[in-house]
C-alpha atoms as a PDB file:
ATOM      1  CA  MET A   1     -23.385 -20.657  35.766  1.00  0.00           C
ATOM      2  CA  ILE A   2     -25.281 -23.489  33.059  1.00  0.00           C
ATOM      3  CA  GLY A   3     -24.788 -21.065  30.559  1.00  0.00           C
ATOM      4  CA  THR A   4     -20.950 -19.766  31.114  1.00  0.00           C
ATOM      5  CA  ILE A   5     -20.293 -23.477  31.387  1.00  0.00           C
ATOM      6  CA  THR A   6     -22.025 -24.692  28.309  1.00  0.00           C
ATOM      7  CA  ASN A   7     -20.452 -21.559  26.276  1.00  0.00           C
ATOM      8  CA  THR A   8     -17.108 -22.736  28.224  1.00  0.00           C
ATOM      9  CA  ILE A   9     -17.520 -26.511  26.954  1.00  0.00           C
ATOM     10  CA  SER A  10     -18.571 -25.068  23.228  1.00  0.00           C
ATOM     11  CA  ILE A  11     -14.706 -23.734  23.091  1.00  0.00           C
ATOM     12  CA  ILE A  12     -13.291 -27.043  23.817  1.00  0.00           C
ATOM     13  CA  ILE A  13     -15.257 -28.689  21.069  1.00  0.00           C
ATOM     14  CA  GLY A  14     -15.177 -26.624  18.602  1.00  0.00           C
ATOM     15  CA  SER A  15     -11.007 -26.404  19.091  1.00  0.00           C
ATOM     16  CA  VAL A  16     -10.829 -30.259  19.158  1.00  0.00           C
ATOM     17  CA  ALA A  17     -13.059 -30.315  16.237  1.00  0.00           C
ATOM     18  CA  GLY A  18     -10.731 -27.653  14.307  1.00  0.00           C
ATOM     19  CA  ALA A  19      -7.738 -29.317  15.148  1.00  0.00           C
ATOM     20  CA  VAL A  20      -8.587 -32.376  13.649  1.00  0.00           C
ATOM     21  CA  MET A  21     -10.125 -30.773  10.557  1.00  0.00           C
ATOM     22  CA  LYS A  22      -6.617 -28.684  10.949  1.00  0.00           C
ATOM     23  CA  ARG A  23      -5.028 -31.831   9.349  1.00  0.00           C
ATOM     24  CA  GLY A  24      -6.813 -32.369   6.151  1.00  0.00           C
ATOM     25  CA  ILE A  25      -7.024 -28.878   5.201  1.00  0.00           C
ATOM     26  CA  LYS A  26      -4.165 -27.209   2.907  1.00  0.00           C
ATOM     27  CA  PRO A  27      -2.139 -24.059   3.208  1.00  0.00           C
ATOM     28  CA  GLU A  28      -4.119 -21.891   1.246  1.00  0.00           C
ATOM     29  CA  TYR A  29      -7.236 -22.675   2.775  1.00  0.00           C
ATOM     30  CA  GLN A  30      -6.235 -22.279   6.400  1.00  0.00           C
ATOM     31  CA  SER A  31      -4.845 -18.795   4.279  1.00  0.00           C
ATOM     32  CA  VAL A  32      -8.250 -18.047   3.630  1.00  0.00           C
ATOM     33  CA  MET A  33      -9.963 -18.902   7.268  1.00  0.00           C
ATOM     34  CA  PHE A  34      -6.915 -16.548   9.117  1.00  0.00           C
ATOM     35  CA  THR A  35      -8.543 -13.687   6.391  1.00  0.00           C
ATOM     36  CA  ALA A  36     -11.803 -14.621   7.350  1.00  0.00           C
ATOM     37  CA  MET A  37     -11.668 -14.109  11.193  1.00  0.00           C
ATOM     38  CA  GLY A  38      -9.736 -10.829  10.658  1.00  0.00           C
ATOM     39  CA  LEU A  39     -12.798  -9.796   8.815  1.00  0.00           C
ATOM     40  CA  ALA A  40     -15.148 -10.984  11.031  1.00  0.00           C
ATOM     41  CA  SER A  41     -13.244  -9.385  14.099  1.00  0.00           C
ATOM     42  CA  LEU A  42     -13.721  -6.260  11.968  1.00  0.00           C
ATOM     43  CA  SER A  43     -17.536  -6.918  11.660  1.00  0.00           C
ATOM     44  CA  LEU A  44     -18.183  -7.528  15.076  1.00  0.00           C
ATOM     45  CA  GLY A  45     -16.247  -4.743  16.543  1.00  0.00           C
ATOM     46  CA  PHE A  46     -17.764  -2.258  14.243  1.00  0.00           C
ATOM     47  CA  ASN A  47     -20.945  -3.412  15.229  1.00  0.00           C
ATOM     48  CA  ALA A  48     -20.747  -3.540  18.931  1.00  0.00           C
ATOM     49  CA  VAL A  49     -19.248   0.115  18.723  1.00  0.00           C
ATOM     50  CA  ALA A  50     -22.203   0.938  16.608  1.00  0.00           C
ATOM     51  CA  ARG A  51     -24.568  -0.148  18.766  1.00  0.00           C
ATOM     52  CA  THR A  52     -23.411   1.587  21.798  1.00  0.00           C
ATOM     53  CA  MET A  53     -21.207   4.530  20.856  1.00  0.00           C
ATOM     54  CA  PRO A  54     -25.014   6.007  20.473  1.00  0.00           C
ATOM     55  CA  LYS A  55     -26.023   5.474  23.948  1.00  0.00           C
ATOM     56  CA  SER A  56     -22.974   6.863  25.326  1.00  0.00           C
ATOM     57  CA  GLU A  57     -23.649  10.096  27.911  1.00  0.00           C
ATOM     58  CA  TYR A  58     -19.508  10.471  27.948  1.00  0.00           C
ATOM     59  CA  PRO A  59     -18.217  10.133  23.785  1.00  0.00           C
ATOM     60  CA  VAL A  60     -14.946  11.518  24.961  1.00  0.00           C
ATOM     61  CA  LEU A  61     -14.542   8.641  27.714  1.00  0.00           C
ATOM     62  CA  PHE A  62     -13.775   5.278  24.577  1.00  0.00           C
ATOM     63  CA  ILE A  63     -10.798   8.047  23.427  1.00  0.00           C
ATOM     64  CA  VAL A  64      -9.426   8.208  26.760  1.00  0.00           C
ATOM     65  CA  SER A  65      -9.531   4.625  27.935  1.00  0.00           C
ATOM     66  CA  ILE A  66      -8.071   3.542  24.804  1.00  0.00           C
ATOM     67  CA  ALA A  67      -5.269   6.306  25.025  1.00  0.00           C
ATOM     68  CA  LEU A  68      -4.887   5.653  28.376  1.00  0.00           C
ATOM     69  CA  GLY A  69      -5.190   1.791  28.984  1.00  0.00           C
ATOM     70  CA  GLY A  70      -2.768   1.591  25.614  1.00  0.00           C
ATOM     71  CA  LEU A  71      -0.035   3.698  27.473  1.00  0.00           C
ATOM     72  CA  LEU A  72      -0.379   1.782  30.626  1.00  0.00           C
ATOM     73  CA  GLY A  73      -0.527  -1.982  28.650  1.00  0.00           C
ATOM     74  CA  THR A  74       2.699  -0.680  26.643  1.00  0.00           C
ATOM     75  CA  ILE A  75       4.671   0.232  29.413  1.00  0.00           C
ATOM     76  CA  LEU A  76       3.441  -2.922  31.305  1.00  0.00           C
ATOM     77  CA  ASP A  77       4.401  -5.037  27.707  1.00  0.00           C
ATOM     78  CA  ILE A  78       1.171  -7.443  28.317  1.00  0.00           C
ATOM     79  CA  ASP A  79       1.781  -8.423  24.176  1.00  0.00           C
ATOM     80  CA  GLY A  80       4.971  -8.963  24.706  1.00  0.00           C
ATOM     81  CA  HIS A  81       4.833 -11.372  28.039  1.00  0.00           C
ATOM     82  CA  PHE A  82       1.636 -12.803  26.433  1.00  0.00           C
ATOM     83  CA  LYS A  83       3.790 -13.970  23.277  1.00  0.00           C
ATOM     84  CA  GLN A  84       6.644 -15.330  25.519  1.00  0.00           C
ATOM     85  CA  LEU A  85       4.079 -17.099  27.765  1.00  0.00           C
ATOM     86  CA  VAL A  86       2.888 -18.852  24.863  1.00  0.00           C
ATOM     87  CA  ASN A  87       5.404 -19.618  22.774  1.00  0.00           C
ATOM     88  CA  HIS A  88       7.469 -21.174  25.825  1.00  0.00           C
ATOM     89  CA  PHE A  89       4.227 -23.818  25.859  1.00  0.00           C
ATOM     90  CA  ASP A  90       3.543 -23.801  21.606  1.00  0.00           C
ATOM     91  CA  LYS A  91       5.392 -26.679  20.194  1.00  0.00           C
ATOM     92  CA  SER A  92       3.555 -26.108  16.763  1.00  0.00           C
ATOM     93  CA  GLY A  93       6.940 -24.794  15.252  1.00  0.00           C
ATOM     94  CA  LYS A  94       5.837 -20.932  14.482  1.00  0.00           C
ATOM     95  CA  ASP A  95       6.822 -19.187  16.003  1.00  0.00           C
ATOM     96  CA  GLY A  96       4.302 -16.137  17.648  1.00  0.00           C
ATOM     97  CA  SER A  97       1.422 -18.020  15.746  1.00  0.00           C
ATOM     98  CA  LEU A  98      -0.556 -19.676  18.443  1.00  0.00           C
ATOM     99  CA  ALA A  99       0.378 -16.403  20.835  1.00  0.00           C
ATOM    100  CA  LYS A 100      -1.702 -14.393  17.679  1.00  0.00           C
ATOM    101  CA  GLY A 101      -4.539 -16.650  17.304  1.00  0.00           C
ATOM    102  CA  LEU A 102      -4.919 -16.741  21.131  1.00  0.00           C
ATOM    103  CA  SER A 103      -5.514 -12.859  21.976  1.00  0.00           C
ATOM    104  CA  THR A 104      -7.331 -13.117  18.709  1.00  0.00           C
ATOM    105  CA  GLY A 105      -9.628 -15.959  20.456  1.00  0.00           C
ATOM    106  CA  ILE A 106      -9.930 -14.219  23.665  1.00  0.00           C
ATOM    107  CA  LEU A 107     -10.855 -10.791  22.274  1.00  0.00           C
ATOM    108  CA  LEU A 108     -13.321 -12.278  20.623  1.00  0.00           C
ATOM    109  CA  TYR A 109     -14.663 -14.994  22.932  1.00  0.00           C
ATOM    110  CA  CYS A 110     -14.276 -12.587  26.099  1.00  0.00           C
ATOM    111  CA  ILE A 111     -15.217  -9.201  24.189  1.00  0.00           C
ATOM    112  CA  GLY A 112     -18.961  -8.274  23.120  1.00  0.00           C
ATOM    113  CA  THR A 113     -22.478  -7.540  24.396  1.00  0.00           C
ATOM    114  CA  PHE A 114     -23.061 -11.623  24.764  1.00  0.00           C
ATOM    115  CA  SER A 115     -19.937 -12.356  26.979  1.00  0.00           C
ATOM    116  CA  ILE A 116     -20.546  -9.185  29.007  1.00  0.00           C
ATOM    117  CA  VAL A 117     -24.191  -8.798  29.758  1.00  0.00           C
ATOM    118  CA  GLY A 118     -25.185 -12.159  28.880  1.00  0.00           C
ATOM    119  CA  PRO A 119     -23.820 -13.617  32.284  1.00  0.00           C
ATOM    120  CA  MET A 120     -25.046 -10.851  34.219  1.00  0.00           C
ATOM    121  CA  LEU A 121     -28.596 -11.486  32.611  1.00  0.00           C
ATOM    122  CA  SER A 122     -28.053 -15.263  34.104  1.00  0.00           C
ATOM    123  CA  ALA A 123     -27.377 -14.032  37.447  1.00  0.00           C
ATOM    124  CA  LEU A 124     -29.868 -11.416  38.010  1.00  0.00           C
ATOM    125  CA  GLU A 125     -32.754 -12.976  36.023  1.00  0.00           C
ATOM    126  CA  GLY A 126     -31.801 -16.553  35.421  1.00  0.00           C
ATOM    127  CA  ASP A 127     -31.664 -16.219  31.239  1.00  0.00           C
ATOM    128  CA  ASN A 128     -29.258 -17.609  29.602  1.00  0.00           C
ATOM    129  CA  THR A 129     -30.507 -16.901  26.064  1.00  0.00           C
ATOM    130  CA  PHE A 130     -27.193 -14.518  25.692  1.00  0.00           C
ATOM    131  CA  LEU A 131     -24.674 -17.211  26.822  1.00  0.00           C
ATOM    132  CA  TYR A 132     -26.534 -20.553  24.467  1.00  0.00           C
ATOM    133  CA  THR A 133     -26.816 -17.918  21.389  1.00  0.00           C
ATOM    134  CA  ASN A 134     -22.779 -16.776  22.337  1.00  0.00           C
ATOM    135  CA  ALA A 135     -22.222 -20.302  23.059  1.00  0.00           C
ATOM    136  CA  THR A 136     -23.112 -21.488  19.057  1.00  0.00           C
ATOM    137  CA  LEU A 137     -21.282 -18.332  17.452  1.00  0.00           C
ATOM    138  CA  ASP A 138     -17.850 -19.136  19.888  1.00  0.00           C
ATOM    139  CA  LEU A 139     -18.321 -23.328  18.843  1.00  0.00           C
ATOM    140  CA  ILE A 140     -17.743 -22.109  15.330  1.00  0.00           C
ATOM    141  CA  THR A 141     -15.372 -19.363  15.854  1.00  0.00           C
ATOM    142  CA  SER A 142     -13.015 -22.014  17.919  1.00  0.00           C
ATOM    143  CA  ALA A 143     -13.243 -24.592  15.023  1.00  0.00           C
ATOM    144  CA  VAL A 144     -12.019 -22.008  12.511  1.00  0.00           C
ATOM    145  CA  LEU A 145      -9.098 -20.531  14.704  1.00  0.00           C
ATOM    146  CA  ALA A 146      -8.294 -24.238  15.741  1.00  0.00           C
ATOM    147  CA  ALA A 147      -8.074 -25.357  12.302  1.00  0.00           C
ATOM    148  CA  THR A 148      -5.641 -22.255  11.583  1.00  0.00           C
ATOM    149  CA  TYR A 149      -3.559 -22.317  15.041  1.00  0.00           C
ATOM    150  CA  GLY A 150      -4.019 -25.836  16.426  1.00  0.00           C
ATOM    151  CA  ILE A 151      -5.166 -27.251  19.818  1.00  0.00           C
ATOM    152  CA  GLY A 152      -3.604 -24.695  21.706  1.00  0.00           C
ATOM    153  CA  MET A 153      -6.723 -22.783  20.915  1.00  0.00           C
ATOM    154  CA  VAL A 154      -8.511 -24.776  23.540  1.00  0.00           C
ATOM    155  CA  ALA A 155      -6.491 -22.604  26.386  1.00  0.00           C
ATOM    156  CA  ALA A 156      -9.027 -19.649  25.768  1.00  0.00           C
ATOM    157  CA  ALA A 157     -12.100 -21.954  27.560  1.00  0.00           C
ATOM    158  CA  PRO A 158     -10.506 -21.529  30.872  1.00  0.00           C
ATOM    159  CA  VAL A 159     -10.219 -17.066  29.949  1.00  0.00           C
ATOM    160  CA  LEU A 160     -13.938 -17.530  28.944  1.00  0.00           C
ATOM    161  CA  PHE A 161     -15.118 -18.964  32.126  1.00  0.00           C
ATOM    162  CA  CYS A 162     -13.114 -17.172  34.558  1.00  0.00           C
ATOM    163  CA  TRP A 163     -14.125 -13.340  32.702  1.00  0.00           C
ATOM    164  CA  GLN A 164     -17.698 -14.887  32.489  1.00  0.00           C
ATOM    165  CA  GLY A 165     -17.558 -16.395  36.003  1.00  0.00           C
ATOM    166  CA  THR A 166     -16.269 -12.740  37.462  1.00  0.00           C
ATOM    167  CA  PHE A 167     -19.509 -11.022  35.328  1.00  0.00           C
ATOM    168  CA  TYR A 168     -21.823 -13.599  37.255  1.00  0.00           C
ATOM    169  CA  LEU A 169     -19.812 -12.762  40.729  1.00  0.00           C
ATOM    170  CA  ILE A 170     -20.393  -9.003  40.111  1.00  0.00           C
ATOM    171  CA  ALA A 171     -23.947  -9.595  38.912  1.00  0.00           C
ATOM    172  CA  LYS A 172     -24.779 -11.484  41.899  1.00  0.00           C
ATOM    173  CA  LEU A 173     -23.113  -8.928  44.203  1.00  0.00           C
ATOM    174  CA  PHE A 174     -23.677  -5.636  43.276  1.00  0.00           C
ATOM    175  CA  GLY A 175     -26.390  -6.036  40.430  1.00  0.00           C
ATOM    176  CA  PRO A 176     -28.591  -3.388  41.129  1.00  0.00           C
ATOM    177  CA  VAL A 177     -26.254  -0.812  41.383  1.00  0.00           C
ATOM    178  CA  ILE A 178     -24.653  -1.322  37.610  1.00  0.00           C
ATOM    179  CA  PRO A 179     -25.355   1.294  35.646  1.00  0.00           C
ATOM    180  CA  ASP A 180     -26.519   0.354  31.992  1.00  0.00           C
ATOM    181  CA  THR A 181     -24.438   3.389  30.645  1.00  0.00           C
ATOM    182  CA  LEU A 182     -20.787   1.432  31.984  1.00  0.00           C
ATOM    183  CA  VAL A 183     -22.190  -1.255  30.346  1.00  0.00           C
ATOM    184  CA  SER A 184     -22.120   0.730  26.973  1.00  0.00           C
ATOM    185  CA  GLU A 185     -18.848   2.114  27.658  1.00  0.00           C
ATOM    186  CA  ILE A 186     -16.716  -1.375  28.210  1.00  0.00           C
ATOM    187  CA  ILE A 187     -18.759  -2.750  24.864  1.00  0.00           C
ATOM    188  CA  THR A 188     -17.593   0.446  23.207  1.00  0.00           C
ATOM    189  CA  VAL A 189     -14.060  -0.488  24.258  1.00  0.00           C
ATOM    190  CA  GLY A 190     -14.466  -3.571  23.607  1.00  0.00           C
ATOM    191  CA  GLY A 191     -15.361  -3.547  20.006  1.00  0.00           C
ATOM    192  CA  THR A 192     -12.179  -1.167  19.150  1.00  0.00           C
ATOM    193  CA  LEU A 193     -10.301  -3.932  20.648  1.00  0.00           C
ATOM    194  CA  ILE A 194     -11.848  -6.518  18.626  1.00  0.00           C
ATOM    195  CA  VAL A 195     -11.572  -3.960  15.966  1.00  0.00           C
ATOM    196  CA  ALA A 196      -7.727  -3.572  16.645  1.00  0.00           C
ATOM    197  CA  SER A 197      -7.226  -7.312  16.888  1.00  0.00           C
ATOM    198  CA  GLY A 198      -9.098  -8.002  12.894  1.00  0.00           C
ATOM    199  CA  LEU A 199      -6.585  -5.477  11.520  1.00  0.00           C
ATOM    200  CA  SER A 200      -3.724  -7.625  13.082  1.00  0.00           C
ATOM    201  CA  LEU A 201      -5.277 -10.654  11.954  1.00  0.00           C
ATOM    202  CA  LEU A 202      -5.603  -8.992   7.785  1.00  0.00           C
ATOM    203  CA  ASP A 203      -1.459  -7.632   8.567  1.00  0.00           C
ATOM    204  CA  ILE A 204      -3.085  -4.305   7.938  1.00  0.00           C
ATOM    205  CA  LYS A 205      -0.874  -2.375  11.303  1.00  0.00           C
ATOM    206  CA  ASP A 206      -0.185  -5.238  14.164  1.00  0.00           C
ATOM    207  CA  CYS A 207      -2.008  -3.503  16.823  1.00  0.00           C
ATOM    208  CA  LYS A 208      -0.366  -5.333  19.869  1.00  0.00           C
ATOM    209  CA  SER A 209      -4.317  -5.658  21.150  1.00  0.00           C
ATOM    210  CA  LEU A 210      -3.319  -7.333  24.329  1.00  0.00           C
ATOM    211  CA  ASN A 211      -1.648  -4.244  25.284  1.00  0.00           C
ATOM    212  CA  LEU A 212      -5.201  -1.996  25.037  1.00  0.00           C
ATOM    213  CA  LEU A 213      -6.863  -4.406  27.486  1.00  0.00           C
ATOM    214  CA  PRO A 214      -6.588  -1.673  30.499  1.00  0.00           C
ATOM    215  CA  SER A 215      -8.555   0.589  28.273  1.00  0.00           C
ATOM    216  CA  LEU A 216     -11.520  -1.729  29.821  1.00  0.00           C
ATOM    217  CA  LEU A 217     -10.517  -0.892  33.009  1.00  0.00           C
ATOM    218  CA  ILE A 218     -10.818   3.274  32.820  1.00  0.00           C
ATOM    219  CA  PRO A 219     -14.503   3.538  32.298  1.00  0.00           C
ATOM    220  CA  VAL A 220     -15.074   1.527  35.409  1.00  0.00           C
ATOM    221  CA  LEU A 221     -12.970   3.729  37.458  1.00  0.00           C
ATOM    222  CA  PHE A 222     -14.431   6.719  35.667  1.00  0.00           C
ATOM    223  CA  PHE A 223     -17.180   5.565  37.086  1.00  0.00           C
ATOM    224  CA  LEU A 224     -16.504   4.851  40.584  1.00  0.00           C
ATOM    225  CA  VAL A 225     -14.823   8.474  40.517  1.00  0.00           C
ATOM    226  CA  LYS A 226     -17.963   9.548  39.273  1.00  0.00           C
ATOM    227  CA  GLY A 227     -20.094   7.910  41.930  1.00  0.00           C
ATOM    228  CA  PHE A 228     -17.210   8.281  45.045  1.00  0.00           C
ATOM    229  CA  PHE A 229     -17.474  12.370  44.364  1.00  0.00           C
ATOM    230  CA  GLY A 230     -21.168  12.662  43.169  1.00  0.00           C
ATOM    231  CA  MET A 231     -20.859  14.468  40.260  1.00  0.00           C
END
């Protein structure tokens, strides 16, 4: 778990540093960083999809996952409830700002090859290379996000810890039976979610990215059903 702990601490340090820098950053500079994070989200998302989609044995699965997961998330109104919760504690005076920053940060920190495969490699082989690399990236990302949205971005740290910790425990318990194709499908869907977050950041389209989070469960359910019926 040392890799996950390091990654979590990097987000805390980056968020604090970014919040301190925010005091000396003019609004127009914050706007530039805001745009930079949107472009970075698009780049990271497209990169994840481009790398994993060719490995998919079920090319249509990610489309079905996004459609069904988005429908479920909209019915549950995950995005709306999340914004209400965050705005309740947000003292910045910018309604909705911290919620947008946290939703983007959580997706960037948690959905990706490093953050999914990293804790699994750590559990199975004791290799923390992916997690240390991810910690370095998240240190920079969290600083930029906190410089835009404030110290509240530190709340993403425990979310990352629980996320990576879950994959670590799953790998410890069930590692040998998790197919590589399932990991690829999850990363493909996750990359699409990051792209959606980037579009929201750039004010191109408010995709309500958090409503799409249930999409990550659809590939898992598909493989469980597939395995149960021996398909």
